[in-house]
Amino acid sequence: MEKYCDYEYYANDYSGTMPEEDFNGEVLKASAYIDQITMKRITPDVLKKYGEEIKLATCAACDCLYSFESGGEVMSETVGSWSRSYGSSGRTHQQKLQDSVETYLIMTGLLYRGAML
């Protein structure tokens, strides 16, 4: 299975903040999710045309998956005498994951579920 982005892209271009070892644990799951929702339509030609969108969607999925495993959504954070509160927006993990990826892939046609002629 292909990983659709690497840590260098995640940290430098996407400006992600997840530690590299955690990213390496999430990127394969995120790439598998991208394959699932695109019905494995990502070919070398598709990567040439929509590579940036696919990388961004993969990064967003990584962040989303990481937040699920880290206790949920951060609802508030304080820097002085560091504090962090977690909560829930009422949306399911699946809804949050799908929303994060759709932001980048919605205009590519890769999410189309109809018959390809």
PDB file of N, CA and C in Angstrom:
ATOM      1  N   MET A   1       0.831  -1.175   0.000  1.00  0.00           N
ATOM      2  CA  MET A   1       0.000   0.000   0.000  1.00  0.00           C
ATOM      3  C   MET A   1       0.885   1.252   0.000  1.00  0.00           C
ATOM      4  N   GLU A   2       0.457   2.229  -0.760  1.00  0.00           N
ATOM      5  CA  GLU A   2       1.223   3.474  -0.867  1.00  0.00           C
ATOM      6  C   GLU A   2       0.808   4.466   0.220  1.00  0.00           C
ATOM      7  N   LYS A   3       1.797   5.112   0.811  1.00  0.00           N
ATOM      8  CA  LYS A   3       1.544   6.222   1.734  1.00  0.00           C
ATOM      9  C   LYS A   3       1.520   7.479   0.871  1.00  0.00           C
ATOM     10  N   TYR A   4       0.472   8.270   1.010  1.00  0.00           N
ATOM     11  CA  TYR A   4       0.285   9.405   0.113  1.00  0.00           C
ATOM     12  C   TYR A   4       1.030  10.671   0.524  1.00  0.00           C
ATOM     13  N   CYS A   5       1.686  10.667   1.669  1.00  0.00           N
ATOM     14  CA  CYS A   5       2.548  11.788   2.027  1.00  0.00           C
ATOM     15  C   CYS A   5       3.582  11.313   3.037  1.00  0.00           C
ATOM     16  N   ASP A   6       4.598  12.128   3.251  1.00  0.00           N
ATOM     17  CA  ASP A   6       5.633  11.790   4.223  1.00  0.00           C
ATOM     18  C   ASP A   6       5.672  12.859   5.309  1.00  0.00           C
ATOM     19  N   TYR A   7       6.472  12.601   6.326  1.00  0.00           N
ATOM     20  CA  TYR A   7       6.512  13.520   7.462  1.00  0.00           C
ATOM     21  C   TYR A   7       7.050  14.897   7.062  1.00  0.00           C
ATOM     22  N   GLU A   8       7.998  14.933   6.160  1.00  0.00           N
ATOM     23  CA  GLU A   8       8.553  16.213   5.717  1.00  0.00           C
ATOM     24  C   GLU A   8       7.452  17.101   5.138  1.00  0.00           C
ATOM     25  N   TYR A   9       6.601  16.520   4.287  1.00  0.00           N
ATOM     26  CA  TYR A   9       5.493  17.275   3.711  1.00  0.00           C
ATOM     27  C   TYR A   9       4.523  17.695   4.814  1.00  0.00           C
ATOM     28  N   TYR A  10       4.193  16.752   5.703  1.00  0.00           N
ATOM     29  CA  TYR A  10       3.256  17.026   6.794  1.00  0.00           C
ATOM     30  C   TYR A  10       3.734  18.202   7.654  1.00  0.00           C
ATOM     31  N   ALA A  11       4.995  18.180   8.042  1.00  0.00           N
ATOM     32  CA  ALA A  11       5.532  19.205   8.941  1.00  0.00           C
ATOM     33  C   ALA A  11       5.776  20.536   8.230  1.00  0.00           C
ATOM     34  N   ASN A  12       6.318  20.489   7.015  1.00  0.00           N
ATOM     35  CA  ASN A  12       6.733  21.717   6.341  1.00  0.00           C
ATOM     36  C   ASN A  12       5.643  22.367   5.489  1.00  0.00           C
ATOM     37  N   ASP A  13       4.940  21.579   4.688  1.00  0.00           N
ATOM     38  CA  ASP A  13       3.943  22.151   3.783  1.00  0.00           C
ATOM     39  C   ASP A  13       2.561  22.255   4.424  1.00  0.00           C
ATOM     40  N   TYR A  14       2.166  21.239   5.146  1.00  0.00           N
ATOM     41  CA  TYR A  14       0.859  21.223   5.807  1.00  0.00           C
ATOM     42  C   TYR A  14       0.915  21.945   7.163  1.00  0.00           C
ATOM     43  N   SER A  15       2.104  22.109   7.689  1.00  0.00           N
ATOM     44  CA  SER A  15       2.339  22.735   8.999  1.00  0.00           C
ATOM     45  C   SER A  15       1.714  21.935  10.132  1.00  0.00           C
ATOM     46  N   GLY A  16       1.798  20.609  10.011  1.00  0.00           N
ATOM     47  CA  GLY A  16       1.287  19.734  11.065  1.00  0.00           C
ATOM     48  C   GLY A  16       2.188  19.751  12.285  1.00  0.00           C
ATOM     49  N   THR A  17       1.619  19.440  13.431  1.00  0.00           N
ATOM     50  CA  THR A  17       2.369  19.507  14.688  1.00  0.00           C
ATOM     51  C   THR A  17       2.533  18.154  15.380  1.00  0.00           C
ATOM     52  N   MET A  18       2.013  17.107  14.794  1.00  0.00           N
ATOM     53  CA  MET A  18       2.139  15.776  15.381  1.00  0.00           C
ATOM     54  C   MET A  18       3.604  15.327  15.371  1.00  0.00           C
ATOM     55  N   PRO A  19       4.074  14.686  16.447  1.00  0.00           N
ATOM     56  CA  PRO A  19       5.445  14.161  16.433  1.00  0.00           C
ATOM     57  C   PRO A  19       5.626  13.121  15.316  1.00  0.00           C
ATOM     58  N   GLU A  20       6.833  13.031  14.794  1.00  0.00           N
ATOM     59  CA  GLU A  20       7.098  12.151  13.656  1.00  0.00           C
ATOM     60  C   GLU A  20       6.751  10.698  13.943  1.00  0.00           C
ATOM     61  N   GLU A  21       7.066  10.189  15.112  1.00  0.00           N
ATOM     62  CA  GLU A  21       6.774   8.774  15.377  1.00  0.00           C
ATOM     63  C   GLU A  21       5.265   8.521  15.399  1.00  0.00           C
ATOM     64  N   ASP A  22       4.484   9.485  15.876  1.00  0.00           N
ATOM     65  CA  ASP A  22       3.027   9.336  15.848  1.00  0.00           C
ATOM     66  C   ASP A  22       2.509   9.433  14.419  1.00  0.00           C
ATOM     67  N   PHE A  23       3.061  10.361  13.632  1.00  0.00           N
ATOM     68  CA  PHE A  23       2.682  10.490  12.234  1.00  0.00           C
ATOM     69  C   PHE A  23       2.910   9.176  11.498  1.00  0.00           C
ATOM     70  N   ASN A  24       4.070   8.572  11.726  1.00  0.00           N
ATOM     71  CA  ASN A  24       4.385   7.316  11.044  1.00  0.00           C
ATOM     72  C   ASN A  24       3.396   6.214  11.394  1.00  0.00           C
ATOM     73  N   GLY A  25       2.784   6.297  12.560  1.00  0.00           N
ATOM     74  CA  GLY A  25       1.763   5.328  12.941  1.00  0.00           C
ATOM     75  C   GLY A  25       0.404   5.621  12.328  1.00  0.00           C
ATOM     76  N   GLU A  26       0.164   6.864  11.947  1.00  0.00           N
ATOM     77  CA  GLU A  26      -1.142   7.257  11.417  1.00  0.00           C
ATOM     78  C   GLU A  26      -1.205   7.311   9.894  1.00  0.00           C
ATOM     79  N   VAL A  27      -0.096   7.561   9.229  1.00  0.00           N
ATOM     80  CA  VAL A  27      -0.128   7.811   7.789  1.00  0.00           C
ATOM     81  C   VAL A  27      -0.602   6.595   6.992  1.00  0.00           C
ATOM     82  N   LEU A  28      -0.288   5.410   7.416  1.00  0.00           N
ATOM     83  CA  LEU A  28      -0.744   4.225   6.695  1.00  0.00           C
ATOM     84  C   LEU A  28      -2.263   4.079   6.823  1.00  0.00           C
ATOM     85  N   LYS A  29      -2.789   4.320   8.038  1.00  0.00           N
ATOM     86  CA  LYS A  29      -4.244   4.265   8.239  1.00  0.00           C
ATOM     87  C   LYS A  29      -4.936   5.355   7.432  1.00  0.00           C
ATOM     88  N   ALA A  30      -4.345   6.541   7.415  1.00  0.00           N
ATOM     89  CA  ALA A  30      -4.929   7.647   6.658  1.00  0.00           C
ATOM     90  C   ALA A  30      -4.929   7.349   5.158  1.00  0.00           C
ATOM     91  N   SER A  31      -3.839   6.793   4.663  1.00  0.00           N
ATOM     92  CA  SER A  31      -3.752   6.444   3.240  1.00  0.00           C
ATOM     93  C   SER A  31      -4.757   5.356   2.889  1.00  0.00           C
ATOM     94  N   ALA A  32      -4.950   4.399   3.782  1.00  0.00           N
ATOM     95  CA  ALA A  32      -5.944   3.345   3.554  1.00  0.00           C
ATOM     96  C   ALA A  32      -7.350   3.948   3.506  1.00  0.00           C
ATOM     97  N   TYR A  33      -7.609   4.927   4.364  1.00  0.00           N
ATOM     98  CA  TYR A  33      -8.911   5.595   4.345  1.00  0.00           C
ATOM     99  C   TYR A  33      -9.111   6.347   3.031  1.00  0.00           C
ATOM    100  N   ILE A  34      -8.068   7.014   2.551  1.00  0.00           N
ATOM    101  CA  ILE A  34      -8.154   7.715   1.269  1.00  0.00           C
ATOM    102  C   ILE A  34      -8.466   6.716   0.153  1.00  0.00           C
ATOM    103  N   ASP A  35      -7.805   5.570   0.159  1.00  0.00           N
ATOM    104  CA  ASP A  35      -8.097   4.533  -0.835  1.00  0.00           C
ATOM    105  C   ASP A  35      -9.548   4.070  -0.739  1.00  0.00           C
ATOM    106  N   GLN A  36     -10.032   3.922   0.472  1.00  0.00           N
ATOM    107  CA  GLN A  36     -11.408   3.457   0.684  1.00  0.00           C
ATOM    108  C   GLN A  36     -12.423   4.450   0.118  1.00  0.00           C
ATOM    109  N   ILE A  37     -12.292   5.725   0.468  1.00  0.00           N
ATOM    110  CA  ILE A  37     -13.314   6.679   0.032  1.00  0.00           C
ATOM    111  C   ILE A  37     -13.195   7.056  -1.445  1.00  0.00           C
ATOM    112  N   THR A  38     -12.023   6.822  -2.033  1.00  0.00           N
ATOM    113  CA  THR A  38     -11.864   7.086  -3.472  1.00  0.00           C
ATOM    114  C   THR A  38     -12.070   5.819  -4.288  1.00  0.00           C
ATOM    115  N   MET A  39     -12.422   4.741  -3.608  1.00  0.00           N
ATOM    116  CA  MET A  39     -12.645   3.443  -4.257  1.00  0.00           C
ATOM    117  C   MET A  39     -11.413   2.994  -5.045  1.00  0.00           C
ATOM    118  N   LYS A  40     -10.238   3.242  -4.463  1.00  0.00           N
ATOM    119  CA  LYS A  40      -8.934   2.858  -5.033  1.00  0.00           C
ATOM    120  C   LYS A  40      -8.729   3.388  -6.460  1.00  0.00           C
ATOM    121  N   ARG A  41      -9.202   4.594  -6.709  1.00  0.00           N
ATOM    122  CA  ARG A  41      -9.049   5.197  -8.038  1.00  0.00           C
ATOM    123  C   ARG A  41      -7.763   5.988  -8.196  1.00  0.00           C
ATOM    124  N   ILE A  42      -6.918   5.997  -7.197  1.00  0.00           N
ATOM    125  CA  ILE A  42      -5.701   6.800  -7.287  1.00  0.00           C
ATOM    126  C   ILE A  42      -4.615   6.010  -8.020  1.00  0.00           C
ATOM    127  N   THR A  43      -4.377   6.421  -9.225  1.00  0.00           N
ATOM    128  CA  THR A  43      -3.371   5.822 -10.095  1.00  0.00           C
ATOM    129  C   THR A  43      -2.209   6.817 -10.227  1.00  0.00           C
ATOM    130  N   PRO A  44      -1.117   6.417 -10.854  1.00  0.00           N
ATOM    131  CA  PRO A  44      -0.027   7.382 -11.071  1.00  0.00           C
ATOM    132  C   PRO A  44      -0.480   8.643 -11.821  1.00  0.00           C
ATOM    133  N   ASP A  45      -1.379   8.489 -12.796  1.00  0.00           N
ATOM    134  CA  ASP A  45      -1.881   9.658 -13.529  1.00  0.00           C
ATOM    135  C   ASP A  45      -2.714  10.566 -12.626  1.00  0.00           C
ATOM    136  N   VAL A  46      -3.523   9.963 -11.757  1.00  0.00           N
ATOM    137  CA  VAL A  46      -4.336  10.747 -10.820  1.00  0.00           C
ATOM    138  C   VAL A  46      -3.426  11.476  -9.842  1.00  0.00           C
ATOM    139  N   LEU A  47      -2.366  10.806  -9.392  1.00  0.00           N
ATOM    140  CA  LEU A  47      -1.405  11.450  -8.486  1.00  0.00           C
ATOM    141  C   LEU A  47      -0.728  12.645  -9.144  1.00  0.00           C
ATOM    142  N   LYS A  48      -0.452  12.539 -10.433  1.00  0.00           N
ATOM    143  CA  LYS A  48       0.157  13.677 -11.149  1.00  0.00           C
ATOM    144  C   LYS A  48      -0.803  14.859 -11.183  1.00  0.00           C
ATOM    145  N   LYS A  49      -2.081  14.568 -11.402  1.00  0.00           N
ATOM    146  CA  LYS A  49      -3.073  15.625 -11.552  1.00  0.00           C
ATOM    147  C   LYS A  49      -3.520  16.207 -10.206  1.00  0.00           C
ATOM    148  N   TYR A  50      -3.723  15.353  -9.215  1.00  0.00           N
ATOM    149  CA  TYR A  50      -4.285  15.785  -7.928  1.00  0.00           C
ATOM    150  C   TYR A  50      -3.383  15.462  -6.741  1.00  0.00           C
ATOM    151  N   GLY A  51      -2.097  15.362  -6.971  1.00  0.00           N
ATOM    152  CA  GLY A  51      -1.157  14.984  -5.913  1.00  0.00           C
ATOM    153  C   GLY A  51      -1.215  15.879  -4.687  1.00  0.00           C
ATOM    154  N   GLU A  52      -1.305  17.174  -4.905  1.00  0.00           N
ATOM    155  CA  GLU A  52      -1.339  18.114  -3.776  1.00  0.00           C
ATOM    156  C   GLU A  52      -2.597  17.915  -2.938  1.00  0.00           C
ATOM    157  N   GLU A  53      -3.739  17.778  -3.594  1.00  0.00           N
ATOM    158  CA  GLU A  53      -4.998  17.569  -2.878  1.00  0.00           C
ATOM    159  C   GLU A  53      -4.981  16.258  -2.096  1.00  0.00           C
ATOM    160  N   ILE A  54      -4.415  15.223  -2.690  1.00  0.00           N
ATOM    161  CA  ILE A  54      -4.343  13.918  -2.029  1.00  0.00           C
ATOM    162  C   ILE A  54      -3.418  13.980  -0.814  1.00  0.00           C
ATOM    163  N   LYS A  55      -2.286  14.659  -0.957  1.00  0.00           N
ATOM    164  CA  LYS A  55      -1.373  14.813   0.186  1.00  0.00           C
ATOM    165  C   LYS A  55      -2.041  15.588   1.324  1.00  0.00           C
ATOM    166  N   LEU A  56      -2.710  16.682   0.990  1.00  0.00           N
ATOM    167  CA  LEU A  56      -3.380  17.483   2.010  1.00  0.00           C
ATOM    168  C   LEU A  56      -4.487  16.687   2.706  1.00  0.00           C
ATOM    169  N   ALA A  57      -5.248  15.935   1.936  1.00  0.00           N
ATOM    170  CA  ALA A  57      -6.309  15.107   2.514  1.00  0.00           C
ATOM    171  C   ALA A  57      -5.723  14.048   3.444  1.00  0.00           C
ATOM    172  N   THR A  58      -4.594  13.479   3.057  1.00  0.00           N
ATOM    173  CA  THR A  58      -3.932  12.476   3.891  1.00  0.00           C
ATOM    174  C   THR A  58      -3.457  13.095   5.202  1.00  0.00           C
ATOM    175  N   CYS A  59      -2.884  14.277   5.123  1.00  0.00           N
ATOM    176  CA  CYS A  59      -2.440  14.979   6.338  1.00  0.00           C
ATOM    177  C   CYS A  59      -3.620  15.273   7.259  1.00  0.00           C
ATOM    178  N   ALA A  60      -4.723  15.742   6.669  1.00  0.00           N
ATOM    179  CA  ALA A  60      -5.913  16.046   7.470  1.00  0.00           C
ATOM    180  C   ALA A  60      -6.448  14.777   8.132  1.00  0.00           C
ATOM    181  N   ALA A  61      -6.441  13.674   7.399  1.00  0.00           N
ATOM    182  CA  ALA A  61      -6.890  12.405   7.972  1.00  0.00           C
ATOM    183  C   ALA A  61      -5.960  11.963   9.099  1.00  0.00           C
ATOM    184  N   CYS A  62      -4.654  12.150   8.924  1.00  0.00           N
ATOM    185  CA  CYS A  62      -3.691  11.815   9.983  1.00  0.00           C
ATOM    186  C   CYS A  62      -3.995  12.593  11.253  1.00  0.00           C
ATOM    187  N   ASP A  63      -4.209  13.894  11.118  1.00  0.00           N
ATOM    188  CA  ASP A  63      -4.525  14.716  12.283  1.00  0.00           C
ATOM    189  C   ASP A  63      -5.809  14.259  12.956  1.00  0.00           C
ATOM    190  N   CYS A  64      -6.799  13.950  12.155  1.00  0.00           N
ATOM    191  CA  CYS A  64      -8.090  13.520  12.683  1.00  0.00           C
ATOM    192  C   CYS A  64      -7.941  12.181  13.428  1.00  0.00           C
ATOM    193  N   LEU A  65      -7.285  11.224  12.826  1.00  0.00           N
ATOM    194  CA  LEU A  65      -7.077   9.918  13.467  1.00  0.00           C
ATOM    195  C   LEU A  65      -6.270  10.057  14.746  1.00  0.00           C
ATOM    196  N   TYR A  66      -5.272  10.909  14.709  1.00  0.00           N
ATOM    197  CA  TYR A  66      -4.433  11.141  15.893  1.00  0.00           C
ATOM    198  C   TYR A  66      -5.252  11.746  17.032  1.00  0.00           C
ATOM    199  N   SER A  67      -6.139  12.667  16.707  1.00  0.00           N
ATOM    200  CA  SER A  67      -6.956  13.287  17.757  1.00  0.00           C
ATOM    201  C   SER A  67      -7.892  12.269  18.396  1.00  0.00           C
ATOM    202  N   PHE A  68      -8.388  11.309  17.599  1.00  0.00           N
ATOM    203  CA  PHE A  68      -9.254  10.267  18.157  1.00  0.00           C
ATOM    204  C   PHE A  68      -8.500   9.448  19.196  1.00  0.00           C
ATOM    205  N   GLU A  69      -7.241   9.161  18.907  1.00  0.00           N
ATOM    206  CA  GLU A  69      -6.436   8.311  19.789  1.00  0.00           C
ATOM    207  C   GLU A  69      -5.830   9.089  20.949  1.00  0.00           C
ATOM    208  N   SER A  70      -5.883  10.418  20.872  1.00  0.00           N
ATOM    209  CA  SER A  70      -5.277  11.249  21.913  1.00  0.00           C
ATOM    210  C   SER A  70      -6.285  11.764  22.931  1.00  0.00           C
ATOM    211  N   GLY A  71      -7.498  11.273  22.877  1.00  0.00           N
ATOM    212  CA  GLY A  71      -8.484  11.691  23.870  1.00  0.00           C
ATOM    213  C   GLY A  71      -9.624  12.514  23.329  1.00  0.00           C
ATOM    214  N   GLY A  72      -9.618  12.837  22.063  1.00  0.00           N
ATOM    215  CA  GLY A  72     -10.715  13.602  21.484  1.00  0.00           C
ATOM    216  C   GLY A  72     -10.295  14.978  21.044  1.00  0.00           C
ATOM    217  N   GLU A  73     -11.294  15.797  20.796  1.00  0.00           N
ATOM    218  CA  GLU A  73     -11.050  17.158  20.333  1.00  0.00           C
ATOM    219  C   GLU A  73     -10.600  18.034  21.492  1.00  0.00           C
ATOM    220  N   VAL A  74      -9.626  18.866  21.234  1.00  0.00           N
ATOM    221  CA  VAL A  74      -9.215  19.839  22.236  1.00  0.00           C
ATOM    222  C   VAL A  74     -10.235  20.974  22.182  1.00  0.00           C
ATOM    223  N   MET A  75     -10.923  21.190  23.287  1.00  0.00           N
ATOM    224  CA  MET A  75     -11.944  22.237  23.358  1.00  0.00           C
ATOM    225  C   MET A  75     -11.352  23.545  23.874  1.00  0.00           C
ATOM    226  N   SER A  76     -10.344  23.459  24.756  1.00  0.00           N
ATOM    227  CA  SER A  76      -9.664  24.663  25.236  1.00  0.00           C
ATOM    228  C   SER A  76      -8.251  24.296  25.659  1.00  0.00           C
ATOM    229  N   GLU A  77      -7.384  25.291  25.600  1.00  0.00           N
ATOM    230  CA  GLU A  77      -5.980  25.078  25.951  1.00  0.00           C
ATOM    231  C   GLU A  77      -5.440  26.370  26.545  1.00  0.00           C
ATOM    232  N   THR A  78      -4.691  26.256  27.611  1.00  0.00           N
ATOM    233  CA  THR A  78      -4.080  27.406  28.273  1.00  0.00           C
ATOM    234  C   THR A  78      -2.578  27.198  28.267  1.00  0.00           C
ATOM    235  N   VAL A  79      -1.811  28.230  28.036  1.00  0.00           N
ATOM    236  CA  VAL A  79      -0.363  28.093  27.975  1.00  0.00           C
ATOM    237  C   VAL A  79       0.285  28.289  29.351  1.00  0.00           C
ATOM    238  N   GLY A  80      -0.015  29.363  30.053  1.00  0.00           N
ATOM    239  CA  GLY A  80       0.546  29.577  31.390  1.00  0.00           C
ATOM    240  C   GLY A  80       0.008  28.534  32.358  1.00  0.00           C
ATOM    241  N   SER A  81       0.878  27.817  33.070  1.00  0.00           N
ATOM    242  CA  SER A  81       0.472  26.670  33.903  1.00  0.00           C
ATOM    243  C   SER A  81      -0.348  25.713  33.045  1.00  0.00           C
ATOM    244  N   TRP A  82       0.225  25.267  31.995  1.00  0.00           N
ATOM    245  CA  TRP A  82      -0.362  24.486  30.906  1.00  0.00           C
ATOM    246  C   TRP A  82      -1.578  23.672  31.321  1.00  0.00           C
ATOM    247  N   SER A  83      -2.630  23.751  30.534  1.00  0.00           N
ATOM    248  CA  SER A  83      -3.875  23.041  30.776  1.00  0.00           C
ATOM    249  C   SER A  83      -4.504  22.704  29.436  1.00  0.00           C
ATOM    250  N   ARG A  84      -5.225  21.612  29.366  1.00  0.00           N
ATOM    251  CA  ARG A  84      -5.908  21.233  28.131  1.00  0.00           C
ATOM    252  C   ARG A  84      -7.209  20.541  28.501  1.00  0.00           C
ATOM    253  N   SER A  85      -8.302  20.912  27.822  1.00  0.00           N
ATOM    254  CA  SER A  85      -9.608  20.294  28.066  1.00  0.00           C
ATOM    255  C   SER A  85     -10.094  19.639  26.793  1.00  0.00           C
ATOM    256  N   TYR A  86     -10.624  18.448  26.908  1.00  0.00           N
ATOM    257  CA  TYR A  86     -11.153  17.715  25.766  1.00  0.00           C
ATOM    258  C   TYR A  86     -12.670  17.687  25.833  1.00  0.00           C
ATOM    259  N   GLY A  87     -13.295  17.591  24.681  1.00  0.00           N
ATOM    260  CA  GLY A  87     -14.743  17.514  24.623  1.00  0.00           C
ATOM    261  C   GLY A  87     -15.177  16.898  23.315  1.00  0.00           C
ATOM    262  N   SER A  88     -16.434  17.065  22.999  1.00  0.00           N
ATOM    263  CA  SER A  88     -16.977  16.485  21.779  1.00  0.00           C
ATOM    264  C   SER A  88     -17.937  17.456  21.124  1.00  0.00           C
ATOM    265  N   SER A  89     -17.917  17.498  19.816  1.00  0.00           N
ATOM    266  CA  SER A  89     -18.805  18.385  19.073  1.00  0.00           C
ATOM    267  C   SER A  89     -20.135  17.713  18.780  1.00  0.00           C
ATOM    268  N   GLY A  90     -20.286  16.450  19.128  1.00  0.00           N
ATOM    269  CA  GLY A  90     -21.517  15.727  18.851  1.00  0.00           C
ATOM    270  C   GLY A  90     -21.485  14.967  17.537  1.00  0.00           C
ATOM    271  N   ARG A  91     -20.449  15.166  16.722  1.00  0.00           N
ATOM    272  CA  ARG A  91     -20.315  14.420  15.469  1.00  0.00           C
ATOM    273  C   ARG A  91     -19.515  13.158  15.731  1.00  0.00           C
ATOM    274  N   THR A  92     -19.796  12.109  14.981  1.00  0.00           N
ATOM    275  CA  THR A  92     -19.075  10.849  15.145  1.00  0.00           C
ATOM    276  C   THR A  92     -17.663  10.972  14.585  1.00  0.00           C
ATOM    277  N   HIS A  93     -16.806  10.038  14.980  1.00  0.00           N
ATOM    278  CA  HIS A  93     -15.446  10.013  14.431  1.00  0.00           C
ATOM    279  C   HIS A  93     -15.493   9.907  12.916  1.00  0.00           C
ATOM    280  N   GLN A  94     -16.373   9.070  12.393  1.00  0.00           N
ATOM    281  CA  GLN A  94     -16.473   8.877  10.945  1.00  0.00           C
ATOM    282  C   GLN A  94     -16.863  10.187  10.250  1.00  0.00           C
ATOM    283  N   GLN A  95     -17.796  10.924  10.821  1.00  0.00           N
ATOM    284  CA  GLN A  95     -18.203  12.192  10.231  1.00  0.00           C
ATOM    285  C   GLN A  95     -17.056  13.195  10.226  1.00  0.00           C
ATOM    286  N   LYS A  96     -16.328  13.267  11.322  1.00  0.00           N
ATOM    287  CA  LYS A  96     -15.198  14.198  11.406  1.00  0.00           C
ATOM    288  C   LYS A  96     -14.108  13.833  10.405  1.00  0.00           C
ATOM    289  N   LEU A  97     -13.815  12.546  10.300  1.00  0.00           N
ATOM    290  CA  LEU A  97     -12.797  12.081   9.360  1.00  0.00           C
ATOM    291  C   LEU A  97     -13.210  12.389   7.927  1.00  0.00           C
ATOM    292  N   GLN A  98     -14.446  12.085   7.593  1.00  0.00           N
ATOM    293  CA  GLN A  98     -14.938  12.344   6.241  1.00  0.00           C
ATOM    294  C   GLN A  98     -14.914  13.838   5.924  1.00  0.00           C
ATOM    295  N   ASP A  99     -15.353  14.666   6.861  1.00  0.00           N
ATOM    296  CA  ASP A  99     -15.344  16.113   6.642  1.00  0.00           C
ATOM    297  C   ASP A  99     -13.930  16.643   6.413  1.00  0.00           C
ATOM    298  N   SER A 100     -12.965  16.131   7.195  1.00  0.00           N
ATOM    299  CA  SER A 100     -11.593  16.625   7.066  1.00  0.00           C
ATOM    300  C   SER A 100     -11.006  16.308   5.701  1.00  0.00           C
ATOM    301  N   VAL A 101     -11.339  15.162   5.161  1.00  0.00           N
ATOM    302  CA  VAL A 101     -10.803  14.735   3.862  1.00  0.00           C
ATOM    303  C   VAL A 101     -11.555  15.391   2.710  1.00  0.00           C
ATOM    304  N   GLU A 102     -12.874  15.504   2.841  1.00  0.00           N
ATOM    305  CA  GLU A 102     -13.673  16.102   1.769  1.00  0.00           C
ATOM    306  C   GLU A 102     -13.250  17.532   1.458  1.00  0.00           C
ATOM    307  N   THR A 103     -12.769  18.244   2.449  1.00  0.00           N
ATOM    308  CA  THR A 103     -12.311  19.615   2.241  1.00  0.00           C
ATOM    309  C   THR A 103     -11.325  19.690   1.073  1.00  0.00           C
ATOM    310  N   TYR A 104     -10.477  18.703   0.950  1.00  0.00           N
ATOM    311  CA  TYR A 104      -9.426  18.710  -0.070  1.00  0.00           C
ATOM    312  C   TYR A 104      -9.781  17.927  -1.336  1.00  0.00           C
ATOM    313  N   LEU A 105     -10.666  16.937  -1.227  1.00  0.00           N
ATOM    314  CA  LEU A 105     -10.930  16.065  -2.377  1.00  0.00           C
ATOM    315  C   LEU A 105     -12.257  16.324  -3.077  1.00  0.00           C
ATOM    316  N   ILE A 106     -13.103  17.175  -2.519  1.00  0.00           N
ATOM    317  CA  ILE A 106     -14.458  17.339  -3.047  1.00  0.00           C
ATOM    318  C   ILE A 106     -14.485  17.764  -4.516  1.00  0.00           C
ATOM    319  N   MET A 107     -13.558  18.585  -4.955  1.00  0.00           N
ATOM    320  CA  MET A 107     -13.578  19.090  -6.330  1.00  0.00           C
ATOM    321  C   MET A 107     -12.764  18.247  -7.309  1.00  0.00           C
ATOM    322  N   THR A 108     -12.229  17.129  -6.865  1.00  0.00           N
ATOM    323  CA  THR A 108     -11.399  16.299  -7.747  1.00  0.00           C
ATOM    324  C   THR A 108     -12.180  15.248  -8.523  1.00  0.00           C
ATOM    325  N   GLY A 109     -13.389  14.923  -8.066  1.00  0.00           N
ATOM    326  CA  GLY A 109     -14.155  13.848  -8.690  1.00  0.00           C
ATOM    327  C   GLY A 109     -13.815  12.482  -8.100  1.00  0.00           C
ATOM    328  N   LEU A 110     -12.812  12.424  -7.231  1.00  0.00           N
ATOM    329  CA  LEU A 110     -12.392  11.141  -6.661  1.00  0.00           C
ATOM    330  C   LEU A 110     -13.397  10.567  -5.658  1.00  0.00           C
ATOM    331  N   LEU A 111     -14.307  11.383  -5.177  1.00  0.00           N
ATOM    332  CA  LEU A 111     -15.292  10.915  -4.195  1.00  0.00           C
ATOM    333  C   LEU A 111     -16.595  10.463  -4.862  1.00  0.00           C
ATOM    334  N   TYR A 112     -16.668  10.565  -6.174  1.00  0.00           N
ATOM    335  CA  TYR A 112     -17.867  10.193  -6.910  1.00  0.00           C
ATOM    336  C   TYR A 112     -18.155   8.712  -6.738  1.00  0.00           C
ATOM    337  N   ARG A 113     -19.384   8.370  -6.374  1.00  0.00           N
ATOM    338  CA  ARG A 113     -19.767   6.978  -6.107  1.00  0.00           C
ATOM    339  C   ARG A 113     -20.520   6.320  -7.258  1.00  0.00           C
ATOM    340  N   GLY A 114     -20.813   7.064  -8.310  1.00  0.00           N
ATOM    341  CA  GLY A 114     -21.549   6.504  -9.422  1.00  0.00           C
ATOM    342  C   GLY A 114     -20.674   5.659 -10.329  1.00  0.00           C
ATOM    343  N   ALA A 115     -21.282   5.127 -11.369  1.00  0.00           N
ATOM    344  CA  ALA A 115     -20.561   4.281 -12.311  1.00  0.00           C
ATOM    345  C   ALA A 115     -19.606   5.110 -13.145  1.00  0.00           C
ATOM    346  N   MET A 116     -18.426   4.589 -13.347  1.00  0.00           N
ATOM    347  CA  MET A 116     -17.431   5.232 -14.198  1.00  0.00           C
ATOM    348  C   MET A 116     -17.558   4.623 -15.595  1.00  0.00           C
ATOM    349  N   LEU A 117     -17.856   5.438 -16.581  1.00  0.00           N
ATOM    350  CA  LEU A 117     -18.047   4.939 -17.936  1.00  0.00           C
ATOM    351  C   LEU A 117     -16.784   5.008 -18.733  1.00  0.00           C
TER     352      LEU A 117
END
